[in-house]
C-alpha atoms as a PDB file:
ATOM      1  CA  MET A   1      80.115  50.179  63.958  1.00  0.00           C
ATOM      2  CA  ASN A   2      79.353  53.643  65.290  1.00  0.00           C
ATOM      3  CA  ASP A   3      76.683  55.967  63.915  1.00  0.00           C
ATOM      4  CA  LEU A   4      79.188  58.247  62.221  1.00  0.00           C
ATOM      5  CA  ASN A   5      80.587  55.363  60.196  1.00  0.00           C
ATOM      6  CA  ASN A   6      77.038  54.343  59.266  1.00  0.00           C
ATOM      7  CA  ASP A   7      76.415  57.852  57.980  1.00  0.00           C
ATOM      8  CA  VAL A   8      79.582  57.782  55.908  1.00  0.00           C
ATOM      9  CA  GLU A   9      78.855  54.441  54.300  1.00  0.00           C
ATOM     10  CA  LYS A  10      75.360  55.630  53.358  1.00  0.00           C
ATOM     11  CA  GLY A  11      77.002  58.554  51.595  1.00  0.00           C
ATOM     12  CA  GLU A  12      75.209  61.065  53.809  1.00  0.00           C
ATOM     13  CA  MET A  13      78.267  63.248  54.169  1.00  0.00           C
ATOM     14  CA  MET A  14      76.513  66.224  55.747  1.00  0.00           C
ATOM     15  CA  LYS A  15      75.688  64.037  58.755  1.00  0.00           C
ATOM     16  CA  LEU A  16      79.332  63.807  59.734  1.00  0.00           C
ATOM     17  CA  LYS A  17      79.561  65.327  63.185  1.00  0.00           C
ATOM     18  CA  HIS A  18      80.778  68.887  62.686  1.00  0.00           C
ATOM     19  CA  ILE A  19      80.420  72.514  63.633  1.00  0.00           C
ATOM     20  CA  TYR A  20      80.149  75.260  61.036  1.00  0.00           C
ATOM     21  CA  GLU A  21      80.453  78.940  61.859  1.00  0.00           C
ATOM     22  CA  PRO A  22      80.356  81.406  58.956  1.00  0.00           C
ATOM     23  CA  GLY A  23      83.048  84.041  58.830  1.00  0.00           C
ATOM     24  CA  GLU A  24      82.418  87.711  59.444  1.00  0.00           C
ATOM     25  CA  ASN A  25      84.536  88.570  56.409  1.00  0.00           C
ATOM     26  CA  VAL A  26      83.777  86.713  53.163  1.00  0.00           C
ATOM     27  CA  ASN A  27      87.311  87.441  51.948  1.00  0.00           C
ATOM     28  CA  LYS A  28      88.795  85.408  54.784  1.00  0.00           C
ATOM     29  CA  PRO A  29      89.295  81.638  54.539  1.00  0.00           C
ATOM     30  CA  VAL A  30      87.309  78.873  56.163  1.00  0.00           C
ATOM     31  CA  PHE A  31      89.404  76.953  58.681  1.00  0.00           C
ATOM     32  CA  LEU A  32      88.973  73.190  58.487  1.00  0.00           C
ATOM     33  CA  LEU A  33      89.688  72.060  62.047  1.00  0.00           C
ATOM     34  CA  LEU A  34      90.904  68.491  62.541  1.00  0.00           C
ATOM     35  CA  HIS A  35      91.526  67.261  66.087  1.00  0.00           C
ATOM     36  CA  GLY A  36      93.993  64.714  67.405  1.00  0.00           C
ATOM     37  CA  THR A  37      93.199  61.170  68.556  1.00  0.00           C
ATOM     38  CA  GLY A  38      90.516  61.197  71.232  1.00  0.00           C
ATOM     39  CA  GLY A  39      89.503  64.766  70.493  1.00  0.00           C
ATOM     40  CA  THR A  40      86.242  66.277  69.310  1.00  0.00           C
ATOM     41  CA  GLU A  41      85.061  68.961  66.938  1.00  0.00           C
ATOM     42  CA  GLU A  42      85.232  71.474  69.796  1.00  0.00           C
ATOM     43  CA  ASP A  43      88.922  71.076  70.637  1.00  0.00           C
ATOM     44  CA  LEU A  44      90.475  73.500  68.157  1.00  0.00           C
ATOM     45  CA  LEU A  45      87.766  76.173  68.144  1.00  0.00           C
ATOM     46  CA  PRO A  46      89.706  78.466  70.533  1.00  0.00           C
ATOM     47  CA  LEU A  47      92.788  78.100  68.328  1.00  0.00           C
ATOM     48  CA  ALA A  48      90.852  79.211  65.239  1.00  0.00           C
ATOM     49  CA  GLU A  49      89.343  82.151  67.129  1.00  0.00           C
ATOM     50  CA  LYS A  50      92.814  83.383  68.045  1.00  0.00           C
ATOM     51  CA  MET A  51      94.175  82.740  64.561  1.00  0.00           C
ATOM     52  CA  ASP A  52      91.545  84.893  62.850  1.00  0.00           C
ATOM     53  CA  PRO A  53      88.202  85.735  64.496  1.00  0.00           C
ATOM     54  CA  GLN A  54      86.811  86.910  61.151  1.00  0.00           C
ATOM     55  CA  ALA A  55      87.419  83.619  59.344  1.00  0.00           C
ATOM     56  CA  GLY A  56      84.838  80.875  58.948  1.00  0.00           C
ATOM     57  CA  VAL A  57      85.171  77.567  60.776  1.00  0.00           C
ATOM     58  CA  LEU A  58      84.296  74.025  59.750  1.00  0.00           C
ATOM     59  CA  SER A  59      85.330  71.708  62.573  1.00  0.00           C
ATOM     60  CA  VAL A  60      84.902  67.976  61.980  1.00  0.00           C
ATOM     61  CA  ARG A  61      84.907  64.983  64.314  1.00  0.00           C
ATOM     62  CA  GLY A  62      86.817  61.926  63.134  1.00  0.00           C
ATOM     63  CA  ASN A  63      84.468  59.133  62.088  1.00  0.00           C
ATOM     64  CA  VAL A  64      86.639  56.189  63.186  1.00  0.00           C
ATOM     65  CA  LEU A  65      86.741  54.931  66.764  1.00  0.00           C
ATOM     66  CA  GLU A  66      89.831  53.424  68.393  1.00  0.00           C
ATOM     67  CA  ASN A  67      89.038  52.135  71.879  1.00  0.00           C
ATOM     68  CA  GLY A  68      86.241  54.685  72.006  1.00  0.00           C
ATOM     69  CA  MET A  69      88.449  57.561  70.862  1.00  0.00           C
ATOM     70  CA  PRO A  70      87.576  59.416  67.645  1.00  0.00           C
ATOM     71  CA  ARG A  71      90.178  59.401  64.881  1.00  0.00           C
ATOM     72  CA  PHE A  72      90.143  60.279  61.195  1.00  0.00           C
ATOM     73  CA  PHE A  73      91.457  56.917  59.962  1.00  0.00           C
ATOM     74  CA  LYS A  74      92.515  53.541  61.306  1.00  0.00           C
ATOM     75  CA  ARG A  75      96.036  52.549  62.233  1.00  0.00           C
ATOM     76  CA  LEU A  76      97.623  49.139  62.577  1.00  0.00           C
ATOM     77  CA  SER A  77      99.832  50.184  65.486  1.00  0.00           C
ATOM     78  CA  GLU A  78     101.453  53.317  66.882  1.00  0.00           C
ATOM     79  CA  GLY A  79     102.841  55.225  63.897  1.00  0.00           C
ATOM     80  CA  VAL A  80     101.735  52.570  61.372  1.00  0.00           C
ATOM     81  CA  PHE A  81      98.769  53.680  59.291  1.00  0.00           C
ATOM     82  CA  ASP A  82      96.116  51.476  57.734  1.00  0.00           C
ATOM     83  CA  GLU A  83      96.824  52.774  54.236  1.00  0.00           C
ATOM     84  CA  GLU A  84      93.653  51.412  52.652  1.00  0.00           C
ATOM     85  CA  ASP A  85      91.505  53.090  55.282  1.00  0.00           C
ATOM     86  CA  LEU A  86      93.547  56.289  55.056  1.00  0.00           C
ATOM     87  CA  ILE A  87      92.835  56.538  51.322  1.00  0.00           C
ATOM     88  CA  LYS A  88      89.136  55.865  51.890  1.00  0.00           C
ATOM     89  CA  ARG A  89      88.766  58.389  54.710  1.00  0.00           C
ATOM     90  CA  THR A  90      90.720  61.032  52.794  1.00  0.00           C
ATOM     91  CA  GLU A  91      88.332  60.651  49.873  1.00  0.00           C
ATOM     92  CA  GLU A  92      85.349  60.886  52.231  1.00  0.00           C
ATOM     93  CA  LEU A  93      86.687  64.053  53.833  1.00  0.00           C
ATOM     94  CA  ASN A  94      87.301  65.640  50.455  1.00  0.00           C
ATOM     95  CA  GLU A  95      83.740  64.787  49.403  1.00  0.00           C
ATOM     96  CA  PHE A  96      82.466  66.157  52.695  1.00  0.00           C
ATOM     97  CA  LEU A  97      84.191  69.462  51.972  1.00  0.00           C
ATOM     98  CA  ASP A  98      82.535  69.583  48.553  1.00  0.00           C
ATOM     99  CA  GLY A  99      79.130  68.969  50.105  1.00  0.00           C
ATOM    100  CA  ALA A 100      79.667  71.392  52.975  1.00  0.00           C
ATOM    101  CA  SER A 101      80.690  74.208  50.624  1.00  0.00           C
ATOM    102  CA  ASN A 102      77.469  73.704  48.664  1.00  0.00           C
ATOM    103  CA  GLU A 103      75.365  73.451  51.819  1.00  0.00           C
ATOM    104  CA  TYR A 104      76.841  76.462  53.602  1.00  0.00           C
ATOM    105  CA  GLY A 105      77.904  78.563  50.624  1.00  0.00           C
ATOM    106  CA  PHE A 106      81.570  79.099  51.451  1.00  0.00           C
ATOM    107  CA  ASP A 107      84.402  79.316  48.914  1.00  0.00           C
ATOM    108  CA  ARG A 108      85.615  75.763  48.327  1.00  0.00           C
ATOM    109  CA  ASN A 109      88.916  77.115  47.013  1.00  0.00           C
ATOM    110  CA  HIS A 110      89.711  79.062  50.172  1.00  0.00           C
ATOM    111  CA  VAL A 111      89.865  76.332  52.819  1.00  0.00           C
ATOM    112  CA  ILE A 112      92.870  76.215  55.159  1.00  0.00           C
ATOM    113  CA  ALA A 113      93.205  73.107  57.288  1.00  0.00           C
ATOM    114  CA  ILE A 114      94.408  73.341  60.876  1.00  0.00           C
ATOM    115  CA  GLY A 115      95.193  69.883  62.177  1.00  0.00           C
ATOM    116  CA  TYR A 116      96.900  68.390  65.197  1.00  0.00           C
ATOM    117  CA  SER A 117      98.509  64.932  65.256  1.00  0.00           C
ATOM    118  CA  ASN A 118      96.009  62.534  63.636  1.00  0.00           C
ATOM    119  CA  GLY A 119      94.139  65.551  62.301  1.00  0.00           C
ATOM    120  CA  ALA A 120      97.340  66.922  60.800  1.00  0.00           C
ATOM    121  CA  ASN A 121      97.943  63.550  59.150  1.00  0.00           C
ATOM    122  CA  ILE A 122      94.564  63.508  57.408  1.00  0.00           C
ATOM    123  CA  ALA A 123      95.115  67.116  56.325  1.00  0.00           C
ATOM    124  CA  ALA A 124      98.493  66.148  54.867  1.00  0.00           C
ATOM    125  CA  SER A 125      96.781  63.243  53.135  1.00  0.00           C
ATOM    126  CA  LEU A 126      94.360  65.657  51.480  1.00  0.00           C
ATOM    127  CA  LEU A 127      97.372  67.508  50.072  1.00  0.00           C
ATOM    128  CA  PHE A 128      98.981  64.244  48.976  1.00  0.00           C
ATOM    129  CA  HIS A 129      95.905  63.050  47.086  1.00  0.00           C
ATOM    130  CA  TYR A 130      93.972  66.088  45.830  1.00  0.00           C
ATOM    131  CA  GLN A 131      95.442  69.136  44.149  1.00  0.00           C
ATOM    132  CA  ASP A 132      92.567  71.461  45.004  1.00  0.00           C
ATOM    133  CA  ALA A 133      91.380  70.059  48.331  1.00  0.00           C
ATOM    134  CA  LEU A 134      93.045  72.809  50.363  1.00  0.00           C
ATOM    135  CA  HIS A 135      94.273  76.345  49.843  1.00  0.00           C
ATOM    136  CA  GLY A 136      96.821  75.795  52.589  1.00  0.00           C
ATOM    137  CA  ALA A 137      97.428  73.934  55.825  1.00  0.00           C
ATOM    138  CA  VAL A 138      98.714  74.294  59.370  1.00  0.00           C
ATOM    139  CA  LEU A 139     100.065  70.900  60.392  1.00  0.00           C
ATOM    140  CA  HIS A 140     100.874  70.489  64.080  1.00  0.00           C
ATOM    141  CA  HIS A 141     103.047  67.389  64.622  1.00  0.00           C
ATOM    142  CA  PRO A 142     102.231  65.531  61.403  1.00  0.00           C
ATOM    143  CA  MET A 143     103.745  62.410  59.874  1.00  0.00           C
ATOM    144  CA  VAL A 144     104.183  61.434  56.231  1.00  0.00           C
ATOM    145  CA  PRO A 145     100.746  59.987  55.341  1.00  0.00           C
ATOM    146  CA  ARG A 146     101.943  57.828  52.433  1.00  0.00           C
ATOM    147  CA  ARG A 147     105.253  57.098  50.765  1.00  0.00           C
ATOM    148  CA  ASN A 148     106.268  56.215  47.224  1.00  0.00           C
ATOM    149  CA  ILE A 149     103.350  57.957  45.532  1.00  0.00           C
ATOM    150  CA  GLN A 150     103.241  60.824  43.056  1.00  0.00           C
ATOM    151  CA  LEU A 151     101.900  63.962  44.694  1.00  0.00           C
ATOM    152  CA  PRO A 152      99.745  66.420  42.735  1.00  0.00           C
ATOM    153  CA  ASP A 153     101.133  69.784  41.696  1.00  0.00           C
ATOM    154  CA  LEU A 154     100.949  71.860  44.884  1.00  0.00           C
ATOM    155  CA  THR A 155     102.387  75.052  43.411  1.00  0.00           C
ATOM    156  CA  GLY A 156     100.965  78.018  45.276  1.00  0.00           C
ATOM    157  CA  LYS A 157      99.969  76.021  48.366  1.00  0.00           C
ATOM    158  CA  GLN A 158     101.227  77.397  51.674  1.00  0.00           C
ATOM    159  CA  VAL A 159     101.957  74.939  54.477  1.00  0.00           C
ATOM    160  CA  PHE A 160     103.092  75.423  58.065  1.00  0.00           C
ATOM    161  CA  ILE A 161     104.579  72.479  59.970  1.00  0.00           C
ATOM    162  CA  GLY A 162     104.983  72.638  63.726  1.00  0.00           C
ATOM    163  CA  ALA A 163     107.433  70.017  64.978  1.00  0.00           C
ATOM    164  CA  GLY A 164     108.976  69.060  68.318  1.00  0.00           C
ATOM    165  CA  LEU A 165     112.632  68.140  68.511  1.00  0.00           C
ATOM    166  CA  SER A 166     111.780  65.687  71.304  1.00  0.00           C
ATOM    167  CA  ASP A 167     108.512  64.400  69.875  1.00  0.00           C
ATOM    168  CA  PRO A 168     108.340  60.637  70.604  1.00  0.00           C
ATOM    169  CA  LEU A 169     105.450  60.086  68.170  1.00  0.00           C
ATOM    170  CA  CYS A 170     106.714  62.161  65.234  1.00  0.00           C
ATOM    171  CA  PRO A 171     110.498  61.802  64.927  1.00  0.00           C
ATOM    172  CA  VAL A 172     112.506  64.613  63.399  1.00  0.00           C
ATOM    173  CA  GLU A 173     113.013  62.518  60.274  1.00  0.00           C
ATOM    174  CA  GLU A 174     109.253  62.353  59.701  1.00  0.00           C
ATOM    175  CA  SER A 175     108.824  66.118  59.695  1.00  0.00           C
ATOM    176  CA  GLU A 176     111.886  66.577  57.502  1.00  0.00           C
ATOM    177  CA  ALA A 177     110.608  64.001  55.011  1.00  0.00           C
ATOM    178  CA  LEU A 178     107.159  65.579  54.888  1.00  0.00           C
ATOM    179  CA  GLU A 179     108.653  69.021  54.320  1.00  0.00           C
ATOM    180  CA  GLN A 180     110.784  67.657  51.481  1.00  0.00           C
ATOM    181  CA  LEU A 181     107.922  65.827  49.767  1.00  0.00           C
ATOM    182  CA  LEU A 182     105.599  68.829  49.917  1.00  0.00           C
ATOM    183  CA  THR A 183     108.342  71.173  48.717  1.00  0.00           C
ATOM    184  CA  GLU A 184     109.217  68.896  45.809  1.00  0.00           C
ATOM    185  CA  ALA A 185     105.521  68.977  44.826  1.00  0.00           C
ATOM    186  CA  GLY A 186     105.665  72.767  44.628  1.00  0.00           C
ATOM    187  CA  ALA A 187     104.280  73.826  48.002  1.00  0.00           C
ATOM    188  CA  THR A 188     105.878  76.594  50.034  1.00  0.00           C
ATOM    189  CA  VAL A 189     106.603  75.027  53.414  1.00  0.00           C
ATOM    190  CA  THR A 190     107.531  76.754  56.644  1.00  0.00           C
ATOM    191  CA  THR A 191     108.687  74.444  59.430  1.00  0.00           C
ATOM    192  CA  LYS A 192     108.947  75.655  63.009  1.00  0.00           C
ATOM    193  CA  TRP A 193     111.131  73.503  65.239  1.00  0.00           C
ATOM    194  CA  LEU A 194     110.588  73.725  68.975  1.00  0.00           C
ATOM    195  CA  GLN A 195     112.239  72.179  72.022  1.00  0.00           C
ATOM    196  CA  GLN A 196     109.204  70.126  72.990  1.00  0.00           C
ATOM    197  CA  GLY A 197     107.468  66.781  72.601  1.00  0.00           C
ATOM    198  CA  HIS A 198     104.133  66.000  70.982  1.00  0.00           C
ATOM    199  CA  GLN A 199     102.082  68.531  72.909  1.00  0.00           C
ATOM    200  CA  LEU A 200     100.810  71.813  71.491  1.00  0.00           C
ATOM    201  CA  THR A 201     102.417  74.834  73.134  1.00  0.00           C
ATOM    202  CA  MET A 202     101.734  78.550  73.067  1.00  0.00           C
ATOM    203  CA  ASP A 203     105.070  79.107  71.297  1.00  0.00           C
ATOM    204  CA  GLU A 204     103.998  76.812  68.472  1.00  0.00           C
ATOM    205  CA  LEU A 205     100.573  78.411  68.183  1.00  0.00           C
ATOM    206  CA  HIS A 206     102.178  81.848  68.127  1.00  0.00           C
ATOM    207  CA  ALA A 207     104.501  80.752  65.320  1.00  0.00           C
ATOM    208  CA  SER A 208     101.570  79.453  63.262  1.00  0.00           C
ATOM    209  CA  HIS A 209      99.711  82.717  63.857  1.00  0.00           C
ATOM    210  CA  LEU A 210     102.665  84.732  62.567  1.00  0.00           C
ATOM    211  CA  TRP A 211     102.816  82.465  59.511  1.00  0.00           C
ATOM    212  CA  TYR A 212      99.109  83.007  58.845  1.00  0.00           C
ATOM    213  CA  GLU A 213      99.397  86.779  59.161  1.00  0.00           C
ATOM    214  CA  GLN A 214     102.085  86.792  56.471  1.00  0.00           C
ATOM    215  CA  LEU A 215      99.626  85.195  54.051  1.00  0.00           C
ATOM    216  CA  ASN A 216      97.339  88.218  54.187  1.00  0.00           C
END
């Protein structure tokens, strides 16, 4: 078991590998950055800087290893999640956010997640399990984290989904189902469809930036 998992199981949440950068403007959100499989806490920092250089940043490294690659939760196979571990890791991340807000003094109610692939899935899971975990979310190529559960009331939550029409890992049906489930729970969802696969493109990042600007 790696050191990060040891830290989690001891309950020492502030030892999760992460980067925190306070925002220049206290009225701006804190971006919770969640990388894809094999990424690190540094991957999405440039994205956050372009999104809003005055916002705070809390970038977290996934505390599960798959063949040496960091992830946020285990999976049984490609596209098949280990649901028990997903629930556990989602709870841990939510608790980490509580602890980090106390440690660093940011507004716990003004956190916007920006996640890609596996990171987008754990961000979606936060929305699925905790009403007040996130103020909003930017989900790049997410899947439905869990099915056949009752979602909390997400009225007032703003969510952006970036999806590729040729994405081999996240079929169109996955993005459509996630949009429907979040909408039925009360969230306002904007989905941007692009002629691309699973990769992040400048067109997708530009679309998420425009979405964010409309929130302010």
